[in-house]
All heavy atoms as atom14 arrays in JSON, in Angstrom:
{
  "sequence": "VHETPALFERIVKPYITAFPPSRTQWVENILNGVSEVEKVLYQDP",
  "atom14_mask": [
    [1, 1, 1, 1, 1, 1, 1, 0, 0, 0, 0, 0, 0, 0],
    [1, 1, 1, 1, 1, 1, 1, 1, 1, 1, 0, 0, 0, 0],
    [1, 1, 1, 1, 1, 1, 1, 1, 1, 0, 0, 0, 0, 0],
    [1, 1, 1, 1, 1, 1, 1, 0, 0, 0, 0, 0, 0, 0],
    [1, 1, 1, 1, 1, 1, 1, 0, 0, 0, 0, 0, 0, 0],
    [1, 1, 1, 1, 1, 0, 0, 0, 0, 0, 0, 0, 0, 0],
    [1, 1, 1, 1, 1, 1, 1, 1, 0, 0, 0, 0, 0, 0],
    [1, 1, 1, 1, 1, 1, 1, 1, 1, 1, 1, 0, 0, 0],
    [1, 1, 1, 1, 1, 1, 1, 1, 1, 0, 0, 0, 0, 0],
    [1, 1, 1, 1, 1, 1, 1, 1, 1, 1, 1, 0, 0, 0],
    [1, 1, 1, 1, 1, 1, 1, 1, 0, 0, 0, 0, 0, 0],
    [1, 1, 1, 1, 1, 1, 1, 0, 0, 0, 0, 0, 0, 0],
    [1, 1, 1, 1, 1, 1, 1, 1, 1, 0, 0, 0, 0, 0],
    [1, 1, 1, 1, 1, 1, 1, 0, 0, 0, 0, 0, 0, 0],
    [1, 1, 1, 1, 1, 1, 1, 1, 1, 1, 1, 1, 0, 0],
    [1, 1, 1, 1, 1, 1, 1, 1, 0, 0, 0, 0, 0, 0],
    [1, 1, 1, 1, 1, 1, 1, 0, 0, 0, 0, 0, 0, 0],
    [1, 1, 1, 1, 1, 0, 0, 0, 0, 0, 0, 0, 0, 0],
    [1, 1, 1, 1, 1, 1, 1, 1, 1, 1, 1, 0, 0, 0],
    [1, 1, 1, 1, 1, 1, 1, 0, 0, 0, 0, 0, 0, 0],
    [1, 1, 1, 1, 1, 1, 1, 0, 0, 0, 0, 0, 0, 0],
    [1, 1, 1, 1, 1, 1, 0, 0, 0, 0, 0, 0, 0, 0],
    [1, 1, 1, 1, 1, 1, 1, 1, 1, 1, 1, 0, 0, 0],
    [1, 1, 1, 1, 1, 1, 1, 0, 0, 0, 0, 0, 0, 0],
    [1, 1, 1, 1, 1, 1, 1, 1, 1, 0, 0, 0, 0, 0],
    [1, 1, 1, 1, 1, 1, 1, 1, 1, 1, 1, 1, 1, 1],
    [1, 1, 1, 1, 1, 1, 1, 0, 0, 0, 0, 0, 0, 0],
    [1, 1, 1, 1, 1, 1, 1, 1, 1, 0, 0, 0, 0, 0],
    [1, 1, 1, 1, 1, 1, 1, 1, 0, 0, 0, 0, 0, 0],
    [1, 1, 1, 1, 1, 1, 1, 1, 0, 0, 0, 0, 0, 0],
    [1, 1, 1, 1, 1, 1, 1, 1, 0, 0, 0, 0, 0, 0],
    [1, 1, 1, 1, 1, 1, 1, 1, 0, 0, 0, 0, 0, 0],
    [1, 1, 1, 1, 0, 0, 0, 0, 0, 0, 0, 0, 0, 0],
    [1, 1, 1, 1, 1, 1, 1, 0, 0, 0, 0, 0, 0, 0],
    [1, 1, 1, 1, 1, 1, 0, 0, 0, 0, 0, 0, 0, 0],
    [1, 1, 1, 1, 1, 1, 1, 1, 1, 0, 0, 0, 0, 0],
    [1, 1, 1, 1, 1, 1, 1, 0, 0, 0, 0, 0, 0, 0],
    [1, 1, 1, 1, 1, 1, 1, 1, 1, 0, 0, 0, 0, 0],
    [1, 1, 1, 1, 1, 1, 1, 1, 1, 0, 0, 0, 0, 0],
    [1, 1, 1, 1, 1, 1, 1, 0, 0, 0, 0, 0, 0, 0],
    [1, 1, 1, 1, 1, 1, 1, 1, 0, 0, 0, 0, 0, 0],
    [1, 1, 1, 1, 1, 1, 1, 1, 1, 1, 1, 1, 0, 0],
    [1, 1, 1, 1, 1, 1, 1, 1, 1, 0, 0, 0, 0, 0],
    [1, 1, 1, 1, 1, 1, 1, 1, 0, 0, 0, 0, 0, 0],
    [1, 1, 1, 1, 1, 1, 1, 0, 0, 0, 0, 0, 0, 0]
  ],
  "atom14_positions": [
    [[172.65, -27.35, 212.14], [172.91, -27.73, 213.52], [171.95, -27.0, 214.45], [171.43, -25.93, 214.1], [174.37, -27.43, 213.95], [175.36, -28.22, 213.11], [174.68, -25.94, 213.88], [0.0, 0.0, 0.0], [0.0, 0.0, 0.0], [0.0, 0.0, 0.0], [0.0, 0.0, 0.0], [0.0, 0.0, 0.0], [0.0, 0.0, 0.0], [0.0, 0.0, 0.0]],
    [[171.72, -27.6, 215.6], [170.86, -27.0, 216.63], [171.74, -26.67, 217.82], [172.35, -27.56, 218.41], [169.74, -27.97, 217.03], [168.97, -28.5, 215.86], [168.0, -27.77, 215.21], [169.05, -29.69, 215.21], [167.5, -28.49, 214.22], [168.12, -29.66, 214.21], [0.0, 0.0, 0.0], [0.0, 0.0, 0.0], [0.0, 0.0, 0.0], [0.0, 0.0, 0.0]],
    [[171.78, -25.39, 218.18], [172.63, -24.95, 219.28], [171.76, -24.65, 220.51], [171.11, -23.62, 220.61], [173.4, -23.7, 218.88], [174.32, -23.16, 219.97], [174.87, -21.79, 219.62], [175.64, -21.7, 218.63], [174.52, -20.81, 220.3], [0.0, 0.0, 0.0], [0.0, 0.0, 0.0], [0.0, 0.0, 0.0], [0.0, 0.0, 0.0], [0.0, 0.0, 0.0]],
    [[171.73, -25.59, 221.44], [171.01, -25.38, 222.69], [171.84, -24.47, 223.59], [173.04, -24.28, 223.36], [170.79, -26.72, 223.41], [172.07, -27.27, 223.75], [170.03, -27.7, 222.53], [0.0, 0.0, 0.0], [0.0, 0.0, 0.0], [0.0, 0.0, 0.0], [0.0, 0.0, 0.0], [0.0, 0.0, 0.0], [0.0, 0.0, 0.0], [0.0, 0.0, 0.0]],
    [[171.23, -23.88, 224.62], [172.02, -23.08, 225.56], [173.19, -23.86, 226.15], [174.27, -23.31, 226.37], [171.0, -22.7, 226.63], [169.69, -22.68, 225.89], [169.78, -23.79, 224.91], [0.0, 0.0, 0.0], [0.0, 0.0, 0.0], [0.0, 0.0, 0.0], [0.0, 0.0, 0.0], [0.0, 0.0, 0.0], [0.0, 0.0, 0.0], [0.0, 0.0, 0.0]],
    [[172.99, -25.16, 226.4], [174.07, -25.98, 226.96], [175.22, -26.14, 225.98], [176.4, -26.06, 226.35], [173.52, -27.35, 227.37], [0.0, 0.0, 0.0], [0.0, 0.0, 0.0], [0.0, 0.0, 0.0], [0.0, 0.0, 0.0], [0.0, 0.0, 0.0], [0.0, 0.0, 0.0], [0.0, 0.0, 0.0], [0.0, 0.0, 0.0], [0.0, 0.0, 0.0]],
    [[174.88, -26.36, 224.7], [175.94, -26.49, 223.69], [176.65, -25.15, 223.46], [177.85, -25.12, 223.17], [175.35, -26.99, 222.37], [174.91, -28.45, 222.35], [174.37, -28.83, 220.97], [176.06, -29.38, 222.74], [0.0, 0.0, 0.0], [0.0, 0.0, 0.0], [0.0, 0.0, 0.0], [0.0, 0.0, 0.0], [0.0, 0.0, 0.0], [0.0, 0.0, 0.0]],
    [[175.91, -24.07, 223.61], [176.56, -22.77, 223.51], [177.62, -22.61, 224.59], [178.75, -22.21, 224.33], [175.54, -21.63, 223.62], [176.18, -20.27, 223.72], [176.73, -19.66, 222.61], [176.25, -19.61, 224.95], [177.34, -18.41, 222.71], [176.85, -18.37, 225.07], [177.4, -17.77, 223.94], [0.0, 0.0, 0.0], [0.0, 0.0, 0.0], [0.0, 0.0, 0.0]],
    [[177.25, -22.94, 225.83], [178.19, -22.79, 226.94], [179.38, -23.72, 226.81], [180.51, -23.34, 227.12], [177.46, -23.05, 228.27], [176.45, -21.98, 228.67], [177.11, -20.66, 229.0], [178.28, -20.67, 229.44], [176.45, -19.6, 228.82], [0.0, 0.0, 0.0], [0.0, 0.0, 0.0], [0.0, 0.0, 0.0], [0.0, 0.0, 0.0], [0.0, 0.0, 0.0]],
    [[179.14, -24.94, 226.32], [180.19, -25.95, 226.29], [181.11, -25.85, 225.06], [182.31, -26.06, 225.15], [179.57, -27.34, 226.33], [180.58, -28.45, 226.62], [179.9, -29.79, 226.71], [179.8, -30.45, 225.41], [178.76, -31.16, 225.01], [177.71, -31.27, 225.79], [178.75, -31.74, 223.84], [0.0, 0.0, 0.0], [0.0, 0.0, 0.0], [0.0, 0.0, 0.0]],
    [[180.53, -25.48, 223.91], [181.29, -25.51, 222.66], [181.49, -24.13, 222.04], [182.62, -23.74, 221.73], [180.6, -26.43, 221.62], [180.56, -27.87, 222.14], [181.31, -26.37, 220.27], [179.76, -28.82, 221.25], [0.0, 0.0, 0.0], [0.0, 0.0, 0.0], [0.0, 0.0, 0.0], [0.0, 0.0, 0.0], [0.0, 0.0, 0.0], [0.0, 0.0, 0.0]],
    [[180.4, -23.39, 221.89], [180.46, -22.15, 221.11], [181.12, -21.02, 221.9], [181.98, -20.3, 221.36], [179.05, -21.73, 220.65], [179.12, -20.43, 219.86], [178.43, -22.83, 219.8], [0.0, 0.0, 0.0], [0.0, 0.0, 0.0], [0.0, 0.0, 0.0], [0.0, 0.0, 0.0], [0.0, 0.0, 0.0], [0.0, 0.0, 0.0], [0.0, 0.0, 0.0]],
    [[180.74, -20.85, 223.15], [181.29, -19.74, 223.94], [182.81, -19.85, 224.08], [183.53, -18.84, 223.88], [180.62, -19.68, 225.31], [180.99, -18.44, 226.11], [180.17, -18.38, 227.4], [180.5, -17.15, 228.21], [179.68, -17.09, 229.46], [0.0, 0.0, 0.0], [0.0, 0.0, 0.0], [0.0, 0.0, 0.0], [0.0, 0.0, 0.0], [0.0, 0.0, 0.0]],
    [[183.38, -21.02, 224.4], [184.84, -21.12, 224.44], [185.49, -20.84, 223.08], [186.59, -20.27, 223.01], [185.08, -22.58, 224.87], [183.84, -22.97, 225.58], [182.72, -22.25, 224.88], [0.0, 0.0, 0.0], [0.0, 0.0, 0.0], [0.0, 0.0, 0.0], [0.0, 0.0, 0.0], [0.0, 0.0, 0.0], [0.0, 0.0, 0.0], [0.0, 0.0, 0.0]],
    [[184.82, -21.24, 222.0], [185.32, -20.97, 220.65], [185.42, -19.46, 220.41], [186.42, -18.96, 219.89], [184.4, -21.63, 219.64], [184.68, -21.28, 218.19], [185.7, -21.92, 217.49], [183.92, -20.32, 217.53], [185.95, -21.61, 216.16], [184.16, -20.0, 216.2], [185.19, -20.64, 215.53], [185.44, -20.32, 214.21], [0.0, 0.0, 0.0], [0.0, 0.0, 0.0]],
    [[184.37, -18.73, 220.8], [184.35, -17.28, 220.62], [185.41, -16.63, 221.5], [186.17, -15.75, 221.05], [182.95, -16.71, 220.96], [181.91, -17.24, 219.98], [182.97, -15.19, 220.94], [180.48, -16.86, 220.32], [0.0, 0.0, 0.0], [0.0, 0.0, 0.0], [0.0, 0.0, 0.0], [0.0, 0.0, 0.0], [0.0, 0.0, 0.0], [0.0, 0.0, 0.0]],
    [[185.49, -17.06, 222.76], [186.45, -16.48, 223.71], [187.89, -16.67, 223.26], [188.75, -15.83, 223.53], [186.25, -17.1, 225.11], [184.88, -16.93, 225.51], [187.16, -16.45, 226.13], [0.0, 0.0, 0.0], [0.0, 0.0, 0.0], [0.0, 0.0, 0.0], [0.0, 0.0, 0.0], [0.0, 0.0, 0.0], [0.0, 0.0, 0.0], [0.0, 0.0, 0.0]],
    [[188.16, -17.77, 222.57], [189.52, -18.1, 222.15], [190.02, -17.24, 220.99], [191.21, -17.27, 220.68], [189.62, -19.57, 221.79], [0.0, 0.0, 0.0], [0.0, 0.0, 0.0], [0.0, 0.0, 0.0], [0.0, 0.0, 0.0], [0.0, 0.0, 0.0], [0.0, 0.0, 0.0], [0.0, 0.0, 0.0], [0.0, 0.0, 0.0], [0.0, 0.0, 0.0]],
    [[189.13, -16.5, 220.34], [189.55, -15.69, 219.2], [190.52, -14.61, 219.65], [190.22, -13.84, 220.58], [188.35, -15.04, 218.52], [187.81, -15.83, 217.37], [187.02, -16.94, 217.59], [188.11, -15.49, 216.06], [186.53, -17.69, 216.53], [187.63, -16.22, 215.0], [186.83, -17.33, 215.23], [0.0, 0.0, 0.0], [0.0, 0.0, 0.0], [0.0, 0.0, 0.0]],
    [[191.69, -14.5, 219.03], [192.65, -13.46, 219.41], [192.16, -12.08, 219.0], [191.45, -11.94, 217.99], [193.91, -13.85, 218.62], [193.4, -14.61, 217.44], [192.18, -15.34, 217.92], [0.0, 0.0, 0.0], [0.0, 0.0, 0.0], [0.0, 0.0, 0.0], [0.0, 0.0, 0.0], [0.0, 0.0, 0.0], [0.0, 0.0, 0.0], [0.0, 0.0, 0.0]],
    [[192.53, -11.05, 219.76], [192.1, -9.67, 219.42], [192.54, -9.24, 218.02], [191.88, -8.4, 217.4], [192.8, -8.82, 220.49], [193.0, -9.76, 221.64], [193.27, -11.09, 221.03], [0.0, 0.0, 0.0], [0.0, 0.0, 0.0], [0.0, 0.0, 0.0], [0.0, 0.0, 0.0], [0.0, 0.0, 0.0], [0.0, 0.0, 0.0], [0.0, 0.0, 0.0]],
    [[193.59, -9.83, 217.5], [194.08, -9.45, 216.17], [193.05, -9.72, 215.07], [193.07, -9.07, 214.03], [195.37, -10.21, 215.85], [195.16, -11.61, 215.88], [0.0, 0.0, 0.0], [0.0, 0.0, 0.0], [0.0, 0.0, 0.0], [0.0, 0.0, 0.0], [0.0, 0.0, 0.0], [0.0, 0.0, 0.0], [0.0, 0.0, 0.0], [0.0, 0.0, 0.0]],
    [[192.13, -10.68, 215.32], [191.14, -11.02, 214.31], [190.14, -9.88, 214.08], [189.52, -9.8, 213.01], [190.4, -12.3, 214.71], [191.22, -13.57, 214.58], [191.48, -13.93, 213.12], [190.27, -14.07, 212.36], [189.52, -15.16, 212.35], [189.88, -16.22, 213.07], [188.42, -15.22, 211.63], [0.0, 0.0, 0.0], [0.0, 0.0, 0.0], [0.0, 0.0, 0.0]],
    [[189.96, -9.03, 215.09], [189.03, -7.91, 214.93], [189.76, -6.56, 215.07], [189.13, -5.55, 215.38], [187.9, -7.99, 215.97], [188.46, -8.16, 217.28], [186.96, -9.15, 215.68], [0.0, 0.0, 0.0], [0.0, 0.0, 0.0], [0.0, 0.0, 0.0], [0.0, 0.0, 0.0], [0.0, 0.0, 0.0], [0.0, 0.0, 0.0], [0.0, 0.0, 0.0]],
    [[191.05, -6.56, 214.8], [191.81, -5.31, 214.88], [191.28, -4.29, 213.87], [191.24, -3.09, 214.14], [193.3, -5.57, 214.63], [194.17, -4.33, 214.8], [194.04, -3.7, 216.18], [194.16, -4.39, 217.19], [193.78, -2.4, 216.22], [0.0, 0.0, 0.0], [0.0, 0.0, 0.0], [0.0, 0.0, 0.0], [0.0, 0.0, 0.0], [0.0, 0.0, 0.0]],
    [[190.84, -4.77, 212.71], [190.31, -3.86, 211.7], [189.03, -3.17, 212.21], [188.78, -2.0, 211.87], [190.03, -4.61, 210.4], [188.95, -5.64, 210.49], [189.07, -6.94, 210.9], [187.57, -5.46, 210.17], [187.85, -7.58, 210.85], [186.92, -6.7, 210.4], [186.83, -4.39, 209.7], [185.56, -6.88, 210.19], [185.46, -4.56, 209.49], [184.85, -5.8, 209.73]],
    [[188.25, -3.87, 213.06], [187.06, -3.26, 213.65], [187.49, -2.19, 214.65], [186.92, -1.08, 214.67], [186.19, -4.32, 214.36], [184.99, -3.66, 215.03], [185.72, -5.38, 213.37], [0.0, 0.0, 0.0], [0.0, 0.0, 0.0], [0.0, 0.0, 0.0], [0.0, 0.0, 0.0], [0.0, 0.0, 0.0], [0.0, 0.0, 0.0], [0.0, 0.0, 0.0]],
    [[188.5, -2.5, 215.47], [189.01, -1.52, 216.43], [189.53, -0.28, 215.7], [189.35, 0.85, 216.18], [190.11, -2.14, 217.28], [189.63, -3.22, 218.24], [188.65, -2.68, 219.28], [188.79, -1.5, 219.68], [187.73, -3.43, 219.68], [0.0, 0.0, 0.0], [0.0, 0.0, 0.0], [0.0, 0.0, 0.0], [0.0, 0.0, 0.0], [0.0, 0.0, 0.0]],
    [[190.16, -0.48, 214.57], [190.68, 0.66, 213.81], [189.55, 1.6, 213.37], [189.69, 2.82, 213.38], [191.46, 0.18, 212.58], [192.77, -0.48, 212.96], [193.26, -0.33, 214.08], [193.35, -1.21, 212.03], [0.0, 0.0, 0.0], [0.0, 0.0, 0.0], [0.0, 0.0, 0.0], [0.0, 0.0, 0.0], [0.0, 0.0, 0.0], [0.0, 0.0, 0.0]],
    [[188.42, 1.01, 212.99], [187.26, 1.82, 212.6], [186.69, 2.55, 213.8], [186.44, 3.76, 213.77], [186.18, 0.93, 211.95], [186.69, 0.35, 210.62], [184.89, 1.72, 211.72], [185.74, -0.65, 209.98], [0.0, 0.0, 0.0], [0.0, 0.0, 0.0], [0.0, 0.0, 0.0], [0.0, 0.0, 0.0], [0.0, 0.0, 0.0], [0.0, 0.0, 0.0]],
    [[186.5, 1.83, 214.92], [185.9, 2.43, 216.12], [186.79, 3.51, 216.73], [186.3, 4.49, 217.3], [185.62, 1.34, 217.16], [184.58, 0.29, 216.77], [184.46, -0.77, 217.85], [183.21, 0.94, 216.53], [0.0, 0.0, 0.0], [0.0, 0.0, 0.0], [0.0, 0.0, 0.0], [0.0, 0.0, 0.0], [0.0, 0.0, 0.0], [0.0, 0.0, 0.0]],
    [[188.1, 3.34, 216.61], [189.04, 4.3, 217.2], [189.42, 5.43, 216.26], [190.27, 6.26, 216.58], [190.31, 3.57, 217.66], [190.03, 2.6, 218.8], [189.16, 2.84, 219.64], [190.76, 1.49, 218.84], [0.0, 0.0, 0.0], [0.0, 0.0, 0.0], [0.0, 0.0, 0.0], [0.0, 0.0, 0.0], [0.0, 0.0, 0.0], [0.0, 0.0, 0.0]],
    [[188.82, 5.46, 215.07], [189.08, 6.55, 214.14], [190.4, 6.44, 213.41], [190.89, 7.43, 212.86], [0.0, 0.0, 0.0], [0.0, 0.0, 0.0], [0.0, 0.0, 0.0], [0.0, 0.0, 0.0], [0.0, 0.0, 0.0], [0.0, 0.0, 0.0], [0.0, 0.0, 0.0], [0.0, 0.0, 0.0], [0.0, 0.0, 0.0], [0.0, 0.0, 0.0]],
    [[190.97, 5.24, 213.37], [192.23, 5.04, 212.65], [191.98, 4.85, 211.16], [192.79, 5.26, 210.33], [193.0, 3.81, 213.22], [194.26, 3.53, 212.43], [193.34, 4.06, 214.69], [0.0, 0.0, 0.0], [0.0, 0.0, 0.0], [0.0, 0.0, 0.0], [0.0, 0.0, 0.0], [0.0, 0.0, 0.0], [0.0, 0.0, 0.0], [0.0, 0.0, 0.0]],
    [[190.87, 4.23, 210.81], [190.55, 3.99, 209.4], [189.08, 4.28, 209.12], [188.24, 4.27, 210.04], [190.88, 2.54, 209.02], [190.07, 1.63, 209.76], [0.0, 0.0, 0.0], [0.0, 0.0, 0.0], [0.0, 0.0, 0.0], [0.0, 0.0, 0.0], [0.0, 0.0, 0.0], [0.0, 0.0, 0.0], [0.0, 0.0, 0.0], [0.0, 0.0, 0.0]],
    [[188.78, 4.55, 207.87], [187.42, 4.76, 207.34], [186.67, 5.91, 208.01], [185.43, 5.93, 208.04], [186.61, 3.46, 207.41], [187.26, 2.29, 206.67], [186.33, 1.13, 206.42], [185.18, 1.37, 206.0], [186.76, -0.01, 206.64], [0.0, 0.0, 0.0], [0.0, 0.0, 0.0], [0.0, 0.0, 0.0], [0.0, 0.0, 0.0], [0.0, 0.0, 0.0]],
    [[187.42, 6.88, 208.56], [186.78, 8.01, 209.25], [185.86, 8.77, 208.31], [184.76, 9.2, 208.7], [187.87, 8.96, 209.82], [187.23, 10.16, 210.49], [188.77, 8.22, 210.79], [0.0, 0.0, 0.0], [0.0, 0.0, 0.0], [0.0, 0.0, 0.0], [0.0, 0.0, 0.0], [0.0, 0.0, 0.0], [0.0, 0.0, 0.0], [0.0, 0.0, 0.0]],
    [[186.32, 8.96, 207.08], [185.55, 9.76, 206.12], [184.27, 9.06, 205.67], [183.38, 9.69, 205.09], [186.42, 10.08, 204.9], [186.71, 8.91, 203.97], [187.73, 7.92, 204.52], [188.36, 8.22, 205.57], [187.92, 6.85, 203.9], [0.0, 0.0, 0.0], [0.0, 0.0, 0.0], [0.0, 0.0, 0.0], [0.0, 0.0, 0.0], [0.0, 0.0, 0.0]],
    [[184.12, 7.79, 205.97], [182.94, 7.04, 205.53], [181.82, 7.01, 206.58], [180.71, 6.59, 206.28], [183.32, 5.6, 205.18], [184.19, 5.47, 203.93], [184.45, 4.0, 203.62], [185.29, 3.83, 202.37], [185.55, 2.4, 202.08], [0.0, 0.0, 0.0], [0.0, 0.0, 0.0], [0.0, 0.0, 0.0], [0.0, 0.0, 0.0], [0.0, 0.0, 0.0]],
    [[182.12, 7.43, 207.8], [181.13, 7.34, 208.87], [179.93, 8.23, 208.56], [180.06, 9.42, 208.29], [181.76, 7.74, 210.22], [180.69, 7.79, 211.32], [182.85, 6.74, 210.61], [0.0, 0.0, 0.0], [0.0, 0.0, 0.0], [0.0, 0.0, 0.0], [0.0, 0.0, 0.0], [0.0, 0.0, 0.0], [0.0, 0.0, 0.0], [0.0, 0.0, 0.0]],
    [[178.75, 7.64, 208.61], [177.51, 8.33, 208.3], [176.8, 8.84, 209.55], [176.07, 9.84, 209.5], [176.56, 7.39, 207.54], [177.1, 6.81, 206.24], [176.2, 5.68, 205.74], [177.23, 7.89, 205.18], [0.0, 0.0, 0.0], [0.0, 0.0, 0.0], [0.0, 0.0, 0.0], [0.0, 0.0, 0.0], [0.0, 0.0, 0.0], [0.0, 0.0, 0.0]],
    [[177.01, 8.15, 210.66], [176.4, 8.54, 211.94], [177.2, 7.92, 213.06], [177.72, 6.82, 212.91], [174.94, 8.07, 212.03], [174.29, 8.38, 213.35], [173.77, 9.65, 213.62], [174.22, 7.42, 214.36], [173.19, 9.94, 214.85], [173.64, 7.7, 215.58], [173.13, 8.96, 215.82], [172.57, 9.24, 217.04], [0.0, 0.0, 0.0], [0.0, 0.0, 0.0]],
    [[177.3, 8.65, 214.17], [178.04, 8.13, 215.32], [177.35, 8.49, 216.62], [176.99, 9.65, 216.85], [179.47, 8.68, 215.33], [180.26, 8.25, 216.56], [181.71, 8.7, 216.51], [182.18, 9.18, 215.48], [182.42, 8.55, 217.61], [0.0, 0.0, 0.0], [0.0, 0.0, 0.0], [0.0, 0.0, 0.0], [0.0, 0.0, 0.0], [0.0, 0.0, 0.0]],
    [[177.15, 7.5, 217.47], [176.73, 7.69, 218.86], [177.91, 7.23, 219.7], [178.22, 6.04, 219.73], [175.49, 6.85, 219.17], [175.04, 6.97, 220.62], [175.85, 7.42, 221.47], [173.89, 6.59, 220.92], [0.0, 0.0, 0.0], [0.0, 0.0, 0.0], [0.0, 0.0, 0.0], [0.0, 0.0, 0.0], [0.0, 0.0, 0.0], [0.0, 0.0, 0.0]],
    [[178.63, 8.14, 220.35], [179.9, 7.79, 221.02], [179.77, 7.07, 222.36], [180.78, 6.73, 222.97], [180.57, 9.16, 221.21], [179.42, 10.11, 221.35], [178.34, 9.58, 220.45], [0.0, 0.0, 0.0], [0.0, 0.0, 0.0], [0.0, 0.0, 0.0], [0.0, 0.0, 0.0], [0.0, 0.0, 0.0], [0.0, 0.0, 0.0], [0.0, 0.0, 0.0]]
  ]
}
């Protein structure tokens, strides 16, 4: 598929915005130090 800036604004951006925060809760857990703390190799806070 070819995603023009117009198609991004009309189709893709609303799709991304609609994602619930729960879908990336595991990412938040890593960033907030809830999980995988011992695996962090480098951090810029």
